[in-house]
Amino acid sequence: MRKNEVNIMTNFEVGTRVFDTWMIQHCVTQENEYSHFIIQAGHDDQTIASLWVVRFPATQDDLLILRENGMTVEDSITFFKQAADDYIGSLLMTECDHSENLLLSVDDCAVEYDEATNTSTVLLRTSYVESLSQYMEKNAIDEETALRIAYKLCDAVAYVRNNELPRRLLTIDNIFVDRNGNFLLGCFGSVADNRFQSPEEHRGEETLYNSDVNSIGVILYTILNDGRIPLLPRNLQNPSKEDIAIAVQDRHAGMPFPPP
């Protein structure tokens, strides 16, 4: 992977060219953490990849929060510039050949700073993947497949720890599937997702492997429970943030799980 020092357009529309030879085909999804696009190399219909656009800060409100907490305008801008550089640096640390089929590996990256919005935009090119949620909409997940995902996550966590790489967020939203059916731990998310946090981590205690194993267990349960986290009432079709918060609180308090 190489870091490009090129000027990049920050309005990503169909037909926009990125990384010299790639062209945006369509937008797959826009999450809080990133936007995901499908890109194609030239006119080769078979050569497609995923483009991820990650902005620092994600919203202008994030800048305002820092300023409300006493940070100057200049310091808040510097903070997010450094956050973007640190994010790129953490990806450059990954040895993609050794982490094959474990981590979502980045093939190309670039960063641009926009003075008009005080935003650093990071672009990442990876192999073509879809989110686990998209995959589950089209494919039934049986116990064997769920266990395969869990084993992959364990191996990915072990790889990250053994190579002293920056920790990757363990959440169902940070798992992706490539065209060969490999389940990969993604490189997105900087804020812990308490839906999958261990009780110890949620309390801010020092954690070891048990915390990651706990998170993987909750992910495994959620996969086998039609994408619903543990302890949500069965009759809730569209749980609110409050419903989710109560379910998480009950789990952290040690309430037993019903079968998925």
Protein backbone atom coordinates (compact mmCIF):
# COMPACT_ATOMS: atom_id res chain seq x y z
CA MET A 1 0.00 0.00 0.00
CA ARG A 2 1.23 3.49 -0.76
CA LYS A 3 0.11 6.88 0.47
CA ASN A 4 -0.69 9.28 -2.36
CA GLU A 5 0.13 12.97 -2.07
CA VAL A 6 -2.30 14.05 -4.77
CA ASN A 7 -5.14 16.52 -4.93
CA ILE A 8 -8.46 14.73 -4.66
CA MET A 9 -11.96 15.89 -5.43
CA THR A 10 -14.09 15.88 -2.29
CA ASN A 11 -17.46 15.68 -4.12
CA PHE A 12 -17.80 12.01 -4.95
CA GLU A 13 -20.25 11.46 -7.77
CA VAL A 14 -20.65 8.81 -10.46
CA GLY A 15 -17.84 9.27 -12.97
CA THR A 16 -15.42 10.94 -10.54
CA ARG A 17 -11.90 9.61 -11.14
CA VAL A 18 -9.79 8.57 -8.13
CA PHE A 19 -6.34 7.02 -7.80
CA ASP A 20 -5.55 7.90 -11.43
CA THR A 21 -7.30 4.99 -13.20
CA TRP A 22 -10.36 4.24 -11.09
CA MET A 23 -13.83 5.69 -11.65
CA ILE A 24 -16.74 5.81 -9.20
CA GLN A 25 -19.69 3.68 -10.32
CA HIS A 26 -22.15 4.14 -7.46
CA CYS A 27 -22.49 4.71 -3.72
CA VAL A 28 -23.19 1.60 -1.66
CA THR A 29 -23.79 3.16 1.73
CA GLN A 30 -23.11 6.20 3.88
CA GLU A 31 -22.45 5.44 7.53
CA ASN A 32 -21.42 7.72 10.38
CA GLU A 33 -17.83 6.53 10.07
CA TYR A 34 -17.43 6.31 6.30
CA SER A 35 -18.95 6.29 2.82
CA HIS A 36 -18.55 3.20 0.64
CA PHE A 37 -18.40 3.40 -3.17
CA ILE A 38 -17.85 0.85 -5.92
CA ILE A 39 -15.10 1.87 -8.35
CA GLN A 40 -14.00 0.42 -11.66
CA ALA A 41 -10.63 0.51 -13.41
CA GLY A 42 -11.04 2.08 -16.84
CA HIS A 43 -13.58 0.24 -18.99
CA ASP A 44 -12.85 -3.20 -17.56
CA ASP A 45 -16.16 -4.43 -16.16
CA GLN A 46 -14.37 -7.21 -14.29
CA THR A 47 -11.93 -4.96 -12.43
CA ILE A 48 -13.87 -3.43 -9.57
CA ALA A 49 -12.90 -2.45 -6.05
CA SER A 50 -14.27 -0.70 -2.99
CA LEU A 51 -13.56 2.96 -2.25
CA TRP A 52 -13.97 4.22 1.30
CA VAL A 53 -14.17 7.91 2.16
CA VAL A 54 -13.48 8.76 5.80
CA ARG A 55 -13.71 12.35 6.98
CA PHE A 56 -12.09 13.93 10.03
CA PRO A 57 -14.18 15.36 11.64
CA ALA A 58 -17.18 13.32 10.50
CA THR A 59 -19.46 16.34 11.09
CA GLN A 60 -18.98 20.00 11.86
CA ASP A 61 -20.61 19.34 15.23
CA ASP A 62 -17.48 17.40 16.20
CA LEU A 63 -15.44 20.57 15.75
CA LEU A 64 -17.93 22.56 17.81
CA ILE A 65 -17.78 20.04 20.66
CA LEU A 66 -14.01 20.50 20.96
CA ARG A 67 -14.39 24.26 20.96
CA GLU A 68 -17.13 24.12 23.59
CA ASN A 69 -14.70 22.14 25.74
CA GLY A 70 -12.16 24.96 25.61
CA MET A 71 -10.08 24.08 22.56
CA THR A 72 -9.20 26.94 20.23
CA VAL A 73 -10.24 26.92 16.57
CA GLU A 74 -6.64 26.31 15.49
CA ASP A 75 -6.13 23.52 18.02
CA SER A 76 -9.35 21.75 17.05
CA ILE A 77 -8.37 21.86 13.37
CA THR A 78 -4.92 20.51 14.24
CA PHE A 79 -6.51 17.77 16.35
CA PHE A 80 -8.49 16.35 13.43
CA LYS A 81 -5.63 16.76 10.98
CA GLN A 82 -3.52 14.66 13.33
CA ALA A 83 -6.35 12.15 13.69
CA ALA A 84 -6.41 11.66 9.92
CA ASP A 85 -2.62 11.25 9.78
CA ASP A 86 -2.70 8.79 12.68
CA TYR A 87 -5.43 6.79 10.93
CA ILE A 88 -3.37 6.54 7.75
CA GLY A 89 -0.31 5.65 9.83
CA SER A 90 -2.13 2.81 11.56
CA LEU A 91 -3.07 1.33 8.18
CA LEU A 92 0.46 1.66 6.83
CA MET A 93 1.65 -0.46 9.76
CA THR A 94 -0.32 -3.49 8.58
CA GLU A 95 1.64 -6.07 6.59
CA CYS A 96 -1.07 -6.99 4.13
CA ASP A 97 0.56 -10.17 2.85
CA HIS A 98 0.66 -11.70 6.34
CA SER A 99 -2.86 -10.61 7.27
CA GLU A 100 -4.45 -11.98 4.08
CA ASN A 101 -7.97 -13.29 4.66
CA LEU A 102 -8.04 -11.85 8.20
CA LEU A 103 -8.06 -8.05 7.92
CA LEU A 104 -9.58 -5.78 5.31
CA SER A 105 -6.32 -4.72 3.64
CA VAL A 106 -5.88 -1.32 2.03
CA ASP A 107 -4.25 -1.28 -1.43
CA ASP A 108 -4.08 2.49 -1.90
CA CYS A 109 -4.72 5.53 0.27
CA ALA A 110 -4.65 9.29 0.03
CA VAL A 111 -5.56 12.29 2.16
CA GLU A 112 -6.63 15.85 1.39
CA TYR A 113 -7.33 18.85 3.61
CA ASP A 114 -10.20 21.18 2.68
CA GLU A 115 -9.69 24.67 4.11
CA ALA A 116 -13.30 25.69 3.39
CA THR A 117 -14.70 23.09 5.81
CA ASN A 118 -11.56 22.39 7.91
CA THR A 119 -11.97 18.72 7.02
CA SER A 120 -9.35 16.09 6.27
CA THR A 121 -10.67 13.50 3.81
CA VAL A 122 -9.05 10.07 3.71
CA LEU A 123 -9.56 7.82 0.67
CA LEU A 124 -8.94 4.08 0.85
CA ARG A 125 -9.03 1.53 -1.96
CA THR A 126 -9.57 -2.10 -0.99
CA SER A 127 -10.65 -5.24 -2.78
CA TYR A 128 -14.36 -5.35 -3.53
CA VAL A 129 -16.29 -6.30 -0.40
CA GLU A 130 -19.78 -6.01 1.01
CA SER A 131 -20.79 -5.55 4.62
CA LEU A 132 -21.79 -8.54 6.70
CA SER A 133 -25.26 -7.02 7.04
CA GLN A 134 -25.64 -6.90 3.25
CA TYR A 135 -24.37 -10.47 3.01
CA MET A 136 -26.90 -11.65 5.62
CA GLU A 137 -29.76 -10.12 3.64
CA LYS A 138 -28.97 -12.51 0.76
CA ASN A 139 -27.53 -15.52 2.58
CA ALA A 140 -28.77 -17.55 5.52
CA ILE A 141 -26.17 -17.82 8.27
CA ASP A 142 -26.14 -21.29 9.79
CA GLU A 143 -24.19 -22.30 12.89
CA GLU A 144 -21.25 -23.57 10.86
CA THR A 145 -20.87 -20.24 9.03
CA ALA A 146 -21.30 -18.27 12.25
CA LEU A 147 -18.54 -20.32 13.88
CA ARG A 148 -16.31 -19.73 10.85
CA ILE A 149 -16.82 -15.98 11.30
CA ALA A 150 -15.99 -16.28 15.01
CA TYR A 151 -12.78 -18.22 14.28
CA LYS A 152 -11.76 -15.60 11.71
CA LEU A 153 -12.33 -12.80 14.22
CA CYS A 154 -10.25 -14.63 16.84
CA ASP A 155 -7.42 -15.09 14.34
CA ALA A 156 -7.66 -11.41 13.28
CA VAL A 157 -7.51 -10.22 16.90
CA ALA A 158 -4.53 -12.49 17.57
CA TYR A 159 -2.76 -11.17 14.45
CA VAL A 160 -3.32 -7.56 15.50
CA ARG A 161 -2.08 -8.20 19.03
CA ASN A 162 0.92 -10.35 18.04
CA ASN A 163 2.10 -7.72 15.56
CA GLU A 164 1.42 -4.81 17.95
CA LEU A 165 -0.93 -3.15 15.48
CA PRO A 166 -3.57 -0.59 16.45
CA ARG A 167 -6.64 -2.36 17.76
CA ARG A 168 -9.52 -2.81 15.36
CA LEU A 169 -13.09 -2.28 16.50
CA LEU A 170 -15.02 -5.48 17.19
CA THR A 171 -18.57 -4.83 16.01
CA ILE A 172 -20.88 -6.48 13.52
CA ASP A 173 -20.68 -3.30 11.40
CA ASN A 174 -16.91 -3.72 10.99
CA ILE A 175 -17.04 -7.16 9.36
CA PHE A 176 -16.94 -7.49 5.58
CA VAL A 177 -17.14 -10.29 3.01
CA ASP A 178 -15.05 -10.50 -0.17
CA ARG A 179 -15.95 -12.24 -3.44
CA ASN A 180 -14.26 -15.43 -2.28
CA GLY A 181 -16.48 -15.65 0.79
CA ASN A 182 -13.75 -14.60 3.23
CA PHE A 183 -14.92 -12.74 6.33
CA LEU A 184 -12.60 -9.82 7.10
CA LEU A 185 -12.27 -7.53 10.10
CA GLY A 186 -12.50 -3.96 8.85
CA CYS A 187 -10.42 -0.90 9.68
CA PHE A 188 -13.23 1.50 10.61
CA GLY A 189 -14.46 2.92 13.87
CA SER A 190 -12.58 4.88 16.50
CA VAL A 191 -15.30 5.07 19.15
CA ALA A 192 -16.18 1.90 21.04
CA ASP A 193 -19.57 0.41 20.18
CA ASN A 194 -21.12 -0.47 23.53
CA ARG A 195 -23.51 -2.92 21.85
CA PHE A 196 -20.56 -5.31 21.66
CA GLN A 197 -18.30 -4.08 24.47
CA SER A 198 -17.44 -6.35 27.36
CA PRO A 199 -18.69 -5.18 30.77
CA GLU A 200 -15.07 -4.64 31.90
CA GLU A 201 -14.24 -2.47 28.91
CA HIS A 202 -17.47 -0.52 29.30
CA ARG A 203 -16.49 0.27 32.89
CA GLY A 204 -13.10 1.51 31.73
CA GLU A 205 -11.15 -1.29 33.39
CA GLU A 206 -7.91 -2.70 32.02
CA THR A 207 -8.75 -5.68 29.82
CA LEU A 208 -6.91 -8.62 28.26
CA TYR A 209 -8.01 -11.23 25.74
CA ASN A 210 -11.19 -11.94 27.71
CA SER A 211 -12.63 -8.60 26.59
CA ASP A 212 -12.17 -9.40 22.89
CA VAL A 213 -13.54 -12.92 23.36
CA ASN A 214 -16.59 -11.44 25.07
CA SER A 215 -17.18 -9.05 22.15
CA ILE A 216 -16.79 -11.87 19.62
CA GLY A 217 -19.31 -13.92 21.59
CA VAL A 218 -21.86 -11.10 21.46
CA ILE A 219 -21.25 -10.71 17.72
CA LEU A 220 -21.73 -14.47 17.22
CA TYR A 221 -25.01 -14.39 19.17
CA THR A 222 -26.21 -11.39 17.16
CA ILE A 223 -25.42 -13.12 13.85
CA LEU A 224 -27.48 -16.15 14.94
CA ASN A 225 -30.27 -13.93 16.27
CA ASP A 226 -31.23 -12.30 12.94
CA GLY A 227 -28.94 -9.33 13.58
CA ARG A 228 -30.50 -8.47 16.95
CA ILE A 229 -28.25 -7.96 19.97
CA PRO A 230 -28.87 -10.05 23.11
CA LEU A 231 -31.76 -9.29 25.48
CA LEU A 232 -33.87 -7.17 23.14
CA PRO A 233 -37.54 -8.02 23.74
CA ARG A 234 -38.76 -10.44 21.09
CA ASN A 235 -41.82 -8.34 20.23
CA LEU A 236 -39.78 -5.26 19.24
CA GLN A 237 -39.57 -5.02 15.47
CA ASN A 238 -37.74 -1.69 15.33
CA PRO A 239 -35.93 -1.17 18.64
CA SER A 240 -35.16 2.41 19.60
CA LYS A 241 -31.87 3.70 20.98
CA GLU A 242 -33.42 3.50 24.44
CA ASP A 243 -34.41 -0.16 23.89
CA ILE A 244 -30.86 -0.98 22.79
CA ALA A 245 -29.37 0.89 25.75
CA ILE A 246 -31.55 -1.11 28.18
CA ALA A 247 -30.55 -4.41 26.54
CA VAL A 248 -26.86 -3.47 26.78
CA GLN A 249 -27.29 -2.44 30.41
CA ASP A 250 -28.95 -5.77 31.21
CA ARG A 251 -26.13 -7.68 29.52
CA HIS A 252 -23.46 -5.73 31.39
CA ALA A 253 -25.35 -6.50 34.62
CA GLY A 254 -24.98 -10.23 33.92
CA MET A 255 -28.52 -11.13 32.82
CA PRO A 256 -28.51 -14.58 31.13
CA PHE A 257 -29.17 -14.71 27.39
CA PRO A 258 -32.17 -16.60 26.02
CA PRO A 259 -31.34 -18.93 23.09
CA PRO A 260 -30.97 -16.99 19.82
